[in-house]
Amino acid sequence: MGEGESKHQLQKTDPGGGEVPVAAAALAAGLHFVATPIGTARDITLRALDTLRVADVIAAEDTRTARRLMEIHGIPLGGRPLLPYHDHNGAEMRPRLIRALTEGKRVAYVSDAGTPLVADPGYQLARAAIEAGLPVTAAPGPSAALAALTISGLPSDRFLFAGFPPPQAGARKSWIAGLDASGATVILFESPKRIHRLLGELCESLGEDRQAALCRELTKRFEEARRGTLAELRDSVGAVPPKGEIVLVLDRAGAAETSEEDLDAALHDALSRLRVKDAAAEVAERLGLPRRDVYQRALALREKD
């Protein structure tokens, strides 16, 4: 294969007149949810850029943010529609987007930042497309929830994304009380203006000694992760109120209260009945501990025996 032929195989023309990889030009018809950066523009994936480059229709929670992102990465909009789609106009815009999909168009949807549907609009659009028998795919990428979990230092084998707390006092109290039901590490969002109040409420409901991580401005210039007990975090934001977008990660219930002796006793009992892997899974589930850590401890106990 000659050099010119090779280039022909790798490049095609995009709607703006430039050349794009075949992988992008071959984007299938359907609804494509595209994750976008939560702070650093370079965090966008190659697949996301390909999708935005060739989609026939682009819908966005904030069209100004989407336009700016495309400009940063040199993606011309050309004559393609860039349509607003958010919580306030969803009922009006969904029929238009579904109509474009039924016509065989490639529709890309981007939220303001991060992964669509994760505390961002898009659920009703996805549901409408699925009910209409239309293809729905995702171009995965940045997520504030997962970024915070990664740097929190807290167990990550099982986690619950709880979103924003309800604003009403009664619903808020019940919501907080239910956070421990899953036995998982909890990830939630909160406004800087209400984070001190929330940390105080969590101290009252879950205990001041619960470990947590307060992550703010993830991937941005002033990124910060404060780690400690709920009481320590409450006191720190009370003295210096934080600015920027906040993700709070809470340790699972029972993790701090389980002693090494209690863990070993539970494992000895389980190992007398089960294989190492199954014993570790049973104990981790019952005590709310990271499965990986329990498995390593079970291996060590089995070797001693």
C-alpha atoms as a PDB file:
ATOM      1  CA  MET A   1       0.000   0.000   0.000  1.00  0.00           C
ATOM      2  CA  GLY A   2       1.474   3.331  -1.033  1.00  0.00           C
ATOM      3  CA  GLU A   3       1.714   6.435   1.117  1.00  0.00           C
ATOM      4  CA  GLY A   4      -1.132   8.197  -0.684  1.00  0.00           C
ATOM      5  CA  GLU A   5      -3.411   5.164  -0.408  1.00  0.00           C
ATOM      6  CA  SER A   6      -2.664   4.830   3.300  1.00  0.00           C
ATOM      7  CA  LYS A   7      -3.639   8.431   3.913  1.00  0.00           C
ATOM      8  CA  HIS A   8      -6.867   7.920   1.975  1.00  0.00           C
ATOM      9  CA  GLN A   9      -7.726   5.040   4.303  1.00  0.00           C
ATOM     10  CA  LEU A  10      -7.096   7.162   7.388  1.00  0.00           C
ATOM     11  CA  GLN A  11      -8.763  10.414   6.409  1.00  0.00           C
ATOM     12  CA  LYS A  12     -12.174  11.600   5.225  1.00  0.00           C
ATOM     13  CA  THR A  13     -13.794  15.006   4.930  1.00  0.00           C
ATOM     14  CA  ASP A  14     -15.831  16.433   7.828  1.00  0.00           C
ATOM     15  CA  PRO A  15     -18.876  18.743   7.583  1.00  0.00           C
ATOM     16  CA  GLY A  16     -16.605  21.760   8.078  1.00  0.00           C
ATOM     17  CA  GLY A  17     -14.429  20.893   5.106  1.00  0.00           C
ATOM     18  CA  GLY A  18     -11.435  19.450   7.008  1.00  0.00           C
ATOM     19  CA  GLU A  19     -10.127  15.915   7.259  1.00  0.00           C
ATOM     20  CA  VAL A  20     -10.973  13.557  10.097  1.00  0.00           C
ATOM     21  CA  PRO A  21     -10.128   9.928  10.904  1.00  0.00           C
ATOM     22  CA  VAL A  22     -12.340   7.256   9.341  1.00  0.00           C
ATOM     23  CA  ALA A  23     -13.380   6.218  12.878  1.00  0.00           C
ATOM     24  CA  ALA A  24     -15.019   9.604  13.308  1.00  0.00           C
ATOM     25  CA  ALA A  25     -16.502   9.781   9.814  1.00  0.00           C
ATOM     26  CA  ALA A  26     -18.095   6.360  10.362  1.00  0.00           C
ATOM     27  CA  LEU A  27     -19.980   7.453  13.474  1.00  0.00           C
ATOM     28  CA  ALA A  28     -23.249   5.551  13.470  1.00  0.00           C
ATOM     29  CA  ALA A  29     -26.645   7.176  13.529  1.00  0.00           C
ATOM     30  CA  GLY A  30     -28.109   7.450  17.004  1.00  0.00           C
ATOM     31  CA  LEU A  31     -27.938   9.368  20.250  1.00  0.00           C
ATOM     32  CA  HIS A  32     -24.405   9.770  21.600  1.00  0.00           C
ATOM     33  CA  PHE A  33     -23.901  10.983  25.177  1.00  0.00           C
ATOM     34  CA  VAL A  34     -20.510  12.663  25.325  1.00  0.00           C
ATOM     35  CA  ALA A  35     -18.600  13.258  28.582  1.00  0.00           C
ATOM     36  CA  THR A  36     -16.826  16.613  28.690  1.00  0.00           C
ATOM     37  CA  PRO A  37     -14.058  18.042  30.919  1.00  0.00           C
ATOM     38  CA  ILE A  38     -14.946  19.141  34.435  1.00  0.00           C
ATOM     39  CA  GLY A  39     -12.237  21.789  34.465  1.00  0.00           C
ATOM     40  CA  THR A  40      -9.232  21.045  32.268  1.00  0.00           C
ATOM     41  CA  ALA A  41     -10.068  21.180  28.558  1.00  0.00           C
ATOM     42  CA  ARG A  42      -7.359  18.631  27.699  1.00  0.00           C
ATOM     43  CA  ASP A  43      -9.211  15.942  29.672  1.00  0.00           C
ATOM     44  CA  ILE A  44     -11.581  15.386  26.757  1.00  0.00           C
ATOM     45  CA  THR A  45     -11.174  12.030  25.002  1.00  0.00           C
ATOM     46  CA  LEU A  46     -10.247  11.479  21.366  1.00  0.00           C
ATOM     47  CA  ARG A  47     -13.539   9.692  20.860  1.00  0.00           C
ATOM     48  CA  ALA A  48     -15.457  12.672  22.241  1.00  0.00           C
ATOM     49  CA  LEU A  49     -13.648  14.978  19.817  1.00  0.00           C
ATOM     50  CA  ASP A  50     -14.403  12.623  16.937  1.00  0.00           C
ATOM     51  CA  THR A  51     -18.080  12.569  17.874  1.00  0.00           C
ATOM     52  CA  LEU A  52     -18.377  16.341  18.166  1.00  0.00           C
ATOM     53  CA  ARG A  53     -16.508  16.774  14.899  1.00  0.00           C
ATOM     54  CA  VAL A  54     -18.944  14.785  12.764  1.00  0.00           C
ATOM     55  CA  ALA A  55     -22.291  14.709  14.604  1.00  0.00           C
ATOM     56  CA  ASP A  56     -25.155  16.042  12.502  1.00  0.00           C
ATOM     57  CA  VAL A  57     -26.824  17.691  15.499  1.00  0.00           C
ATOM     58  CA  ILE A  58     -25.253  18.764  18.794  1.00  0.00           C
ATOM     59  CA  ALA A  59     -27.401  19.331  21.881  1.00  0.00           C
ATOM     60  CA  ALA A  60     -25.929  20.893  24.998  1.00  0.00           C
ATOM     61  CA  GLU A  61     -26.934  21.795  28.515  1.00  0.00           C
ATOM     62  CA  ASP A  62     -25.143  25.111  27.922  1.00  0.00           C
ATOM     63  CA  THR A  63     -24.521  25.968  24.268  1.00  0.00           C
ATOM     64  CA  ARG A  64     -21.967  28.645  25.185  1.00  0.00           C
ATOM     65  CA  THR A  65     -19.834  26.121  27.075  1.00  0.00           C
ATOM     66  CA  ALA A  66     -20.125  23.576  24.268  1.00  0.00           C
ATOM     67  CA  ARG A  67     -19.202  26.150  21.626  1.00  0.00           C
ATOM     68  CA  ARG A  68     -16.180  27.274  23.640  1.00  0.00           C
ATOM     69  CA  LEU A  69     -15.008  23.677  24.110  1.00  0.00           C
ATOM     70  CA  MET A  70     -15.237  23.042  20.383  1.00  0.00           C
ATOM     71  CA  GLU A  71     -13.343  26.254  19.651  1.00  0.00           C
ATOM     72  CA  ILE A  72     -10.545  25.255  22.029  1.00  0.00           C
ATOM     73  CA  HIS A  73     -10.124  21.968  20.175  1.00  0.00           C
ATOM     74  CA  GLY A  74     -10.471  23.439  16.693  1.00  0.00           C
ATOM     75  CA  ILE A  75     -13.796  21.835  15.830  1.00  0.00           C
ATOM     76  CA  PRO A  76     -15.880  23.978  13.447  1.00  0.00           C
ATOM     77  CA  LEU A  77     -19.605  23.978  13.960  1.00  0.00           C
ATOM     78  CA  GLY A  78     -20.217  24.723  10.300  1.00  0.00           C
ATOM     79  CA  GLY A  79     -23.885  24.759   9.437  1.00  0.00           C
ATOM     80  CA  ARG A  80     -24.835  22.158  12.037  1.00  0.00           C
ATOM     81  CA  PRO A  81     -27.438  23.026  14.675  1.00  0.00           C
ATOM     82  CA  LEU A  82     -26.235  23.525  18.249  1.00  0.00           C
ATOM     83  CA  LEU A  83     -29.375  23.187  20.342  1.00  0.00           C
ATOM     84  CA  PRO A  84     -29.956  23.911  24.041  1.00  0.00           C
ATOM     85  CA  TYR A  85     -31.270  20.979  26.057  1.00  0.00           C
ATOM     86  CA  HIS A  86     -31.665  21.276  29.816  1.00  0.00           C
ATOM     87  CA  ASP A  87     -34.126  20.653  32.641  1.00  0.00           C
ATOM     88  CA  HIS A  88     -36.230  23.693  31.785  1.00  0.00           C
ATOM     89  CA  ASN A  89     -36.779  23.071  28.061  1.00  0.00           C
ATOM     90  CA  GLY A  90     -36.544  19.279  27.871  1.00  0.00           C
ATOM     91  CA  ALA A  91     -40.227  18.683  27.171  1.00  0.00           C
ATOM     92  CA  GLU A  92     -40.077  21.143  24.271  1.00  0.00           C
ATOM     93  CA  MET A  93     -36.759  19.965  22.785  1.00  0.00           C
ATOM     94  CA  ARG A  94     -37.074  16.174  23.098  1.00  0.00           C
ATOM     95  CA  PRO A  95     -39.521  15.771  20.181  1.00  0.00           C
ATOM     96  CA  ARG A  96     -37.176  17.738  17.923  1.00  0.00           C
ATOM     97  CA  LEU A  97     -34.188  15.599  18.874  1.00  0.00           C
ATOM     98  CA  ILE A  98     -36.137  12.352  18.588  1.00  0.00           C
ATOM     99  CA  ARG A  99     -37.325  13.447  15.147  1.00  0.00           C
ATOM    100  CA  ALA A 100     -33.707  14.017  14.073  1.00  0.00           C
ATOM    101  CA  LEU A 101     -32.829  10.540  15.340  1.00  0.00           C
ATOM    102  CA  THR A 102     -35.704   8.892  13.462  1.00  0.00           C
ATOM    103  CA  GLU A 103     -34.415  10.597  10.311  1.00  0.00           C
ATOM    104  CA  GLY A 104     -31.125   8.747  10.762  1.00  0.00           C
ATOM    105  CA  LYS A 105     -29.160  11.689  12.149  1.00  0.00           C
ATOM    106  CA  ARG A 106     -26.184  11.432  14.487  1.00  0.00           C
ATOM    107  CA  VAL A 107     -27.087  13.439  17.597  1.00  0.00           C
ATOM    108  CA  ALA A 108     -24.463  14.243  20.224  1.00  0.00           C
ATOM    109  CA  TYR A 109     -25.459  15.482  23.674  1.00  0.00           C
ATOM    110  CA  VAL A 110     -23.037  17.146  26.101  1.00  0.00           C
ATOM    111  CA  SER A 111     -23.712  18.373  29.619  1.00  0.00           C
ATOM    112  CA  ASP A 112     -22.140  21.507  31.034  1.00  0.00           C
ATOM    113  CA  ALA A 113     -19.250  19.467  32.477  1.00  0.00           C
ATOM    114  CA  GLY A 114     -18.639  15.803  33.189  1.00  0.00           C
ATOM    115  CA  THR A 115     -20.726  12.788  32.279  1.00  0.00           C
ATOM    116  CA  PRO A 116     -24.315  13.375  31.098  1.00  0.00           C
ATOM    117  CA  LEU A 117     -27.037  12.011  33.404  1.00  0.00           C
ATOM    118  CA  VAL A 118     -24.718  12.048  36.476  1.00  0.00           C
ATOM    119  CA  ALA A 119     -26.364  14.971  38.313  1.00  0.00           C
ATOM    120  CA  ASP A 120     -26.865  16.467  34.839  1.00  0.00           C
ATOM    121  CA  PRO A 121     -29.754  16.457  32.329  1.00  0.00           C
ATOM    122  CA  GLY A 122     -30.250  13.682  29.817  1.00  0.00           C
ATOM    123  CA  TYR A 123     -32.182  10.881  31.490  1.00  0.00           C
ATOM    124  CA  GLN A 124     -35.533  11.698  29.893  1.00  0.00           C
ATOM    125  CA  LEU A 125     -33.874  12.091  26.495  1.00  0.00           C
ATOM    126  CA  ALA A 126     -32.180   8.700  26.801  1.00  0.00           C
ATOM    127  CA  ARG A 127     -35.442   7.100  27.893  1.00  0.00           C
ATOM    128  CA  ALA A 128     -37.399   8.649  25.021  1.00  0.00           C
ATOM    129  CA  ALA A 129     -34.842   7.432  22.488  1.00  0.00           C
ATOM    130  CA  ILE A 130     -34.796   3.912  23.941  1.00  0.00           C
ATOM    131  CA  GLU A 131     -38.597   3.721  23.981  1.00  0.00           C
ATOM    132  CA  ALA A 132     -38.582   4.759  20.320  1.00  0.00           C
ATOM    133  CA  GLY A 133     -36.219   1.896  19.519  1.00  0.00           C
ATOM    134  CA  LEU A 134     -33.359   4.235  18.610  1.00  0.00           C
ATOM    135  CA  PRO A 135     -29.646   3.551  19.275  1.00  0.00           C
ATOM    136  CA  VAL A 136     -28.160   5.137  22.415  1.00  0.00           C
ATOM    137  CA  THR A 137     -24.434   5.052  23.130  1.00  0.00           C
ATOM    138  CA  ALA A 138     -21.970   6.786  25.463  1.00  0.00           C
ATOM    139  CA  ALA A 139     -18.531   8.236  24.865  1.00  0.00           C
ATOM    140  CA  PRO A 140     -17.233   7.944  28.443  1.00  0.00           C
ATOM    141  CA  GLY A 141     -14.843  10.359  30.044  1.00  0.00           C
ATOM    142  CA  PRO A 142     -14.491  12.836  32.924  1.00  0.00           C
ATOM    143  CA  SER A 143     -16.648  12.461  36.045  1.00  0.00           C
ATOM    144  CA  ALA A 144     -16.324  14.566  39.176  1.00  0.00           C
ATOM    145  CA  ALA A 145     -17.789  11.756  41.286  1.00  0.00           C
ATOM    146  CA  LEU A 146     -15.223   9.175  40.178  1.00  0.00           C
ATOM    147  CA  ALA A 147     -12.335  11.660  40.291  1.00  0.00           C
ATOM    148  CA  ALA A 148     -13.171  12.444  43.929  1.00  0.00           C
ATOM    149  CA  LEU A 149     -13.511   8.764  44.833  1.00  0.00           C
ATOM    150  CA  THR A 150     -10.112   8.074  43.265  1.00  0.00           C
ATOM    151  CA  ILE A 151      -8.250  10.639  45.362  1.00  0.00           C
ATOM    152  CA  SER A 152     -10.283  10.280  48.564  1.00  0.00           C
ATOM    153  CA  GLY A 153      -8.276   7.405  50.011  1.00  0.00           C
ATOM    154  CA  LEU A 154     -11.538   5.698  50.974  1.00  0.00           C
ATOM    155  CA  PRO A 155     -12.742   2.207  49.950  1.00  0.00           C
ATOM    156  CA  SER A 156     -13.696   2.125  46.289  1.00  0.00           C
ATOM    157  CA  ASP A 157     -14.876  -1.443  45.703  1.00  0.00           C
ATOM    158  CA  ARG A 158     -18.504  -0.455  46.398  1.00  0.00           C
ATOM    159  CA  PHE A 159     -19.848   3.070  46.251  1.00  0.00           C
ATOM    160  CA  LEU A 160     -23.114   4.972  46.077  1.00  0.00           C
ATOM    161  CA  PHE A 161     -23.532   8.232  44.175  1.00  0.00           C
ATOM    162  CA  ALA A 162     -26.183  10.112  46.125  1.00  0.00           C
ATOM    163  CA  GLY A 163     -26.214  13.410  44.205  1.00  0.00           C
ATOM    164  CA  PHE A 164     -27.302  16.606  45.978  1.00  0.00           C
ATOM    165  CA  PRO A 165     -29.073  16.537  49.370  1.00  0.00           C
ATOM    166  CA  PRO A 166     -32.704  17.702  49.295  1.00  0.00           C
ATOM    167  CA  PRO A 167     -33.106  21.338  50.410  1.00  0.00           C
ATOM    168  CA  GLN A 168     -36.151  20.748  52.670  1.00  0.00           C
ATOM    169  CA  ALA A 169     -35.261  20.010  56.306  1.00  0.00           C
ATOM    170  CA  GLY A 170     -37.485  16.948  56.756  1.00  0.00           C
ATOM    171  CA  ALA A 171     -36.522  15.279  53.476  1.00  0.00           C
ATOM    172  CA  ARG A 172     -32.894  16.162  54.106  1.00  0.00           C
ATOM    173  CA  LYS A 173     -32.873  14.450  57.503  1.00  0.00           C
ATOM    174  CA  SER A 174     -34.385  11.256  56.088  1.00  0.00           C
ATOM    175  CA  TRP A 175     -31.999  11.348  53.134  1.00  0.00           C
ATOM    176  CA  ILE A 176     -28.955  11.591  55.409  1.00  0.00           C
ATOM    177  CA  ALA A 177     -30.249   8.808  57.663  1.00  0.00           C
ATOM    178  CA  GLY A 178     -30.504   6.518  54.637  1.00  0.00           C
ATOM    179  CA  LEU A 179     -26.946   7.010  53.398  1.00  0.00           C
ATOM    180  CA  ASP A 180     -25.627   4.010  55.336  1.00  0.00           C
ATOM    181  CA  ALA A 181     -28.226   1.566  54.016  1.00  0.00           C
ATOM    182  CA  SER A 182     -26.084   0.426  51.079  1.00  0.00           C
ATOM    183  CA  GLY A 183     -23.008  -0.360  53.179  1.00  0.00           C
ATOM    184  CA  ALA A 184     -20.985   1.530  50.558  1.00  0.00           C
ATOM    185  CA  THR A 185     -18.719   4.529  50.327  1.00  0.00           C
ATOM    186  CA  VAL A 186     -20.964   7.512  49.558  1.00  0.00           C
ATOM    187  CA  ILE A 187     -20.279  10.256  47.017  1.00  0.00           C
ATOM    188  CA  LEU A 188     -22.372  13.410  47.077  1.00  0.00           C
ATOM    189  CA  PHE A 189     -22.392  16.951  45.772  1.00  0.00           C
ATOM    190  CA  GLU A 190     -23.085  20.115  47.740  1.00  0.00           C
ATOM    191  CA  SER A 191     -22.922  23.871  47.256  1.00  0.00           C
ATOM    192  CA  PRO A 192     -20.073  25.775  48.996  1.00  0.00           C
ATOM    193  CA  LYS A 193     -22.754  27.880  50.673  1.00  0.00           C
ATOM    194  CA  ARG A 194     -24.335  24.829  52.322  1.00  0.00           C
ATOM    195  CA  ILE A 195     -21.363  22.522  52.905  1.00  0.00           C
ATOM    196  CA  HIS A 196     -20.795  23.652  56.513  1.00  0.00           C
ATOM    197  CA  ARG A 197     -24.450  23.014  57.331  1.00  0.00           C
ATOM    198  CA  LEU A 198     -24.311  19.594  55.663  1.00  0.00           C
ATOM    199  CA  LEU A 199     -21.162  18.547  57.507  1.00  0.00           C
ATOM    200  CA  GLY A 200     -22.818  19.535  60.785  1.00  0.00           C
ATOM    201  CA  GLU A 201     -25.885  17.458  59.935  1.00  0.00           C
ATOM    202  CA  LEU A 202     -23.722  14.495  58.948  1.00  0.00           C
ATOM    203  CA  CYS A 203     -21.850  14.723  62.256  1.00  0.00           C
ATOM    204  CA  GLU A 204     -25.144  14.552  64.149  1.00  0.00           C
ATOM    205  CA  SER A 205     -26.546  11.678  62.113  1.00  0.00           C
ATOM    206  CA  LEU A 206     -23.508   9.559  61.199  1.00  0.00           C
ATOM    207  CA  GLY A 207     -21.072  10.479  63.974  1.00  0.00           C
ATOM    208  CA  GLU A 208     -18.235  12.978  64.203  1.00  0.00           C
ATOM    209  CA  ASP A 209     -15.542  10.302  63.768  1.00  0.00           C
ATOM    210  CA  ARG A 210     -16.666   9.112  60.320  1.00  0.00           C
ATOM    211  CA  GLN A 211     -13.807   9.495  57.835  1.00  0.00           C
ATOM    212  CA  ALA A 212     -14.470  11.646  54.793  1.00  0.00           C
ATOM    213  CA  ALA A 213     -12.800  13.598  52.002  1.00  0.00           C
ATOM    214  CA  LEU A 214     -13.885  17.017  50.806  1.00  0.00           C
ATOM    215  CA  CYS A 215     -12.702  17.550  47.230  1.00  0.00           C
ATOM    216  CA  ARG A 216     -13.131  20.839  45.443  1.00  0.00           C
ATOM    217  CA  GLU A 217     -12.252  22.348  42.067  1.00  0.00           C
ATOM    218  CA  LEU A 218     -11.233  18.952  40.700  1.00  0.00           C
ATOM    219  CA  THR A 219      -8.804  19.078  37.740  1.00  0.00           C
ATOM    220  CA  LYS A 220      -8.619  22.867  38.049  1.00  0.00           C
ATOM    221  CA  ARG A 221      -5.796  25.158  39.150  1.00  0.00           C
ATOM    222  CA  PHE A 222      -6.864  25.296  42.796  1.00  0.00           C
ATOM    223  CA  GLU A 223      -7.784  21.629  43.187  1.00  0.00           C
ATOM    224  CA  GLU A 224      -7.829  20.589  46.833  1.00  0.00           C
ATOM    225  CA  ALA A 225      -8.661  17.469  48.825  1.00  0.00           C
ATOM    226  CA  ARG A 226      -9.210  17.778  52.580  1.00  0.00           C
ATOM    227  CA  ARG A 227      -9.250  14.421  54.366  1.00  0.00           C
ATOM    228  CA  GLY A 228     -10.197  13.706  57.951  1.00  0.00           C
ATOM    229  CA  THR A 229     -13.160  13.077  60.208  1.00  0.00           C
ATOM    230  CA  LEU A 230     -16.485  14.755  59.590  1.00  0.00           C
ATOM    231  CA  ALA A 231     -15.883  16.912  62.657  1.00  0.00           C
ATOM    232  CA  GLU A 232     -12.475  18.009  61.382  1.00  0.00           C
ATOM    233  CA  LEU A 233     -13.875  18.892  57.982  1.00  0.00           C
ATOM    234  CA  ARG A 234     -16.808  20.729  59.558  1.00  0.00           C
ATOM    235  CA  ASP A 235     -14.449  22.828  61.647  1.00  0.00           C
ATOM    236  CA  SER A 236     -12.107  23.523  58.726  1.00  0.00           C
ATOM    237  CA  VAL A 237     -14.836  24.845  56.419  1.00  0.00           C
ATOM    238  CA  GLY A 238     -16.328  26.824  59.261  1.00  0.00           C
ATOM    239  CA  ALA A 239     -13.057  28.712  59.709  1.00  0.00           C
ATOM    240  CA  VAL A 240     -12.340  29.070  55.984  1.00  0.00           C
ATOM    241  CA  PRO A 241     -15.451  28.621  53.797  1.00  0.00           C
ATOM    242  CA  PRO A 242     -14.443  26.833  50.580  1.00  0.00           C
ATOM    243  CA  LYS A 243     -15.022  28.154  47.087  1.00  0.00           C
ATOM    244  CA  GLY A 244     -15.765  26.293  43.891  1.00  0.00           C
ATOM    245  CA  GLU A 245     -17.494  23.019  43.076  1.00  0.00           C
ATOM    246  CA  ILE A 246     -17.445  20.460  45.895  1.00  0.00           C
ATOM    247  CA  VAL A 247     -17.640  16.675  46.016  1.00  0.00           C
ATOM    248  CA  LEU A 248     -17.855  15.007  49.431  1.00  0.00           C
ATOM    249  CA  VAL A 249     -16.877  11.355  49.871  1.00  0.00           C
ATOM    250  CA  LEU A 250     -17.980   9.512  53.047  1.00  0.00           C
ATOM    251  CA  ASP A 251     -16.496   6.328  54.429  1.00  0.00           C
ATOM    252  CA  ARG A 252     -18.914   3.421  54.690  1.00  0.00           C
ATOM    253  CA  ALA A 253     -20.629   2.561  57.942  1.00  0.00           C
ATOM    254  CA  GLY A 254     -18.788   0.253  60.285  1.00  0.00           C
ATOM    255  CA  ALA A 255     -15.405   0.485  58.581  1.00  0.00           C
ATOM    256  CA  ALA A 256     -13.778   2.393  61.421  1.00  0.00           C
ATOM    257  CA  GLU A 257     -15.399   0.323  64.182  1.00  0.00           C
ATOM    258  CA  THR A 258     -14.179  -3.103  63.048  1.00  0.00           C
ATOM    259  CA  SER A 259     -11.053  -4.143  64.967  1.00  0.00           C
ATOM    260  CA  GLU A 260      -8.413  -6.473  63.584  1.00  0.00           C
ATOM    261  CA  GLU A 261      -9.430  -9.092  66.159  1.00  0.00           C
ATOM    262  CA  ASP A 262     -13.081  -8.899  65.079  1.00  0.00           C
ATOM    263  CA  LEU A 263     -12.102  -9.200  61.432  1.00  0.00           C
ATOM    264  CA  ASP A 264      -9.872 -12.217  62.070  1.00  0.00           C
ATOM    265  CA  ALA A 265     -12.595 -13.935  64.118  1.00  0.00           C
ATOM    266  CA  ALA A 266     -15.135 -13.410  61.348  1.00  0.00           C
ATOM    267  CA  LEU A 267     -12.688 -14.713  58.743  1.00  0.00           C
ATOM    268  CA  HIS A 268     -11.765 -17.814  60.765  1.00  0.00           C
ATOM    269  CA  ASP A 269     -15.438 -18.686  60.985  1.00  0.00           C
ATOM    270  CA  ALA A 270     -16.051 -18.089  57.288  1.00  0.00           C
ATOM    271  CA  LEU A 271     -12.897 -19.946  56.226  1.00  0.00           C
ATOM    272  CA  SER A 272     -14.051 -23.020  58.128  1.00  0.00           C
ATOM    273  CA  ARG A 273     -17.017 -23.208  55.755  1.00  0.00           C
ATOM    274  CA  LEU A 274     -16.008 -21.514  52.526  1.00  0.00           C
ATOM    275  CA  ARG A 275     -13.221 -21.040  50.028  1.00  0.00           C
ATOM    276  CA  VAL A 276     -10.955 -18.027  50.581  1.00  0.00           C
ATOM    277  CA  LYS A 277     -12.619 -15.906  47.904  1.00  0.00           C
ATOM    278  CA  ASP A 278     -16.141 -16.661  49.104  1.00  0.00           C
ATOM    279  CA  ALA A 279     -15.193 -16.219  52.758  1.00  0.00           C
ATOM    280  CA  ALA A 280     -13.681 -12.817  52.054  1.00  0.00           C
ATOM    281  CA  ALA A 281     -16.763 -11.751  50.085  1.00  0.00           C
ATOM    282  CA  GLU A 282     -19.106 -12.827  52.888  1.00  0.00           C
ATOM    283  CA  VAL A 283     -17.137 -11.022  55.612  1.00  0.00           C
ATOM    284  CA  ALA A 284     -16.616  -7.876  53.549  1.00  0.00           C
ATOM    285  CA  GLU A 285     -20.352  -7.745  52.879  1.00  0.00           C
ATOM    286  CA  ARG A 286     -21.292  -8.267  56.518  1.00  0.00           C
ATOM    287  CA  LEU A 287     -18.777  -5.830  58.011  1.00  0.00           C
ATOM    288  CA  GLY A 288     -18.899  -3.212  55.269  1.00  0.00           C
ATOM    289  CA  LEU A 289     -15.178  -3.472  54.545  1.00  0.00           C
ATOM    290  CA  PRO A 290     -13.283  -3.275  51.234  1.00  0.00           C
ATOM    291  CA  ARG A 291     -13.423  -6.721  49.623  1.00  0.00           C
ATOM    292  CA  ARG A 292      -9.851  -6.490  48.362  1.00  0.00           C
ATOM    293  CA  ASP A 293      -8.446  -5.795  51.852  1.00  0.00           C
ATOM    294  CA  VAL A 294     -10.487  -8.581  53.436  1.00  0.00           C
ATOM    295  CA  TYR A 295      -9.352 -11.019  50.745  1.00  0.00           C
ATOM    296  CA  GLN A 296      -5.683 -10.223  51.404  1.00  0.00           C
ATOM    297  CA  ARG A 297      -6.212 -10.751  55.136  1.00  0.00           C
ATOM    298  CA  ALA A 298      -7.999 -14.050  54.453  1.00  0.00           C
ATOM    299  CA  LEU A 299      -5.056 -15.247  52.355  1.00  0.00           C
ATOM    300  CA  ALA A 300      -2.667 -14.385  55.171  1.00  0.00           C
ATOM    301  CA  LEU A 301      -4.757 -16.293  57.722  1.00  0.00           C
ATOM    302  CA  ARG A 302      -5.034 -19.324  55.449  1.00  0.00           C
ATOM    303  CA  GLU A 303      -1.233 -19.414  55.014  1.00  0.00           C
ATOM    304  CA  LYS A 304      -0.738 -19.306  58.792  1.00  0.00           C
ATOM    305  CA  ASP A 305      -3.121 -22.219  59.226  1.00  0.00           C
END
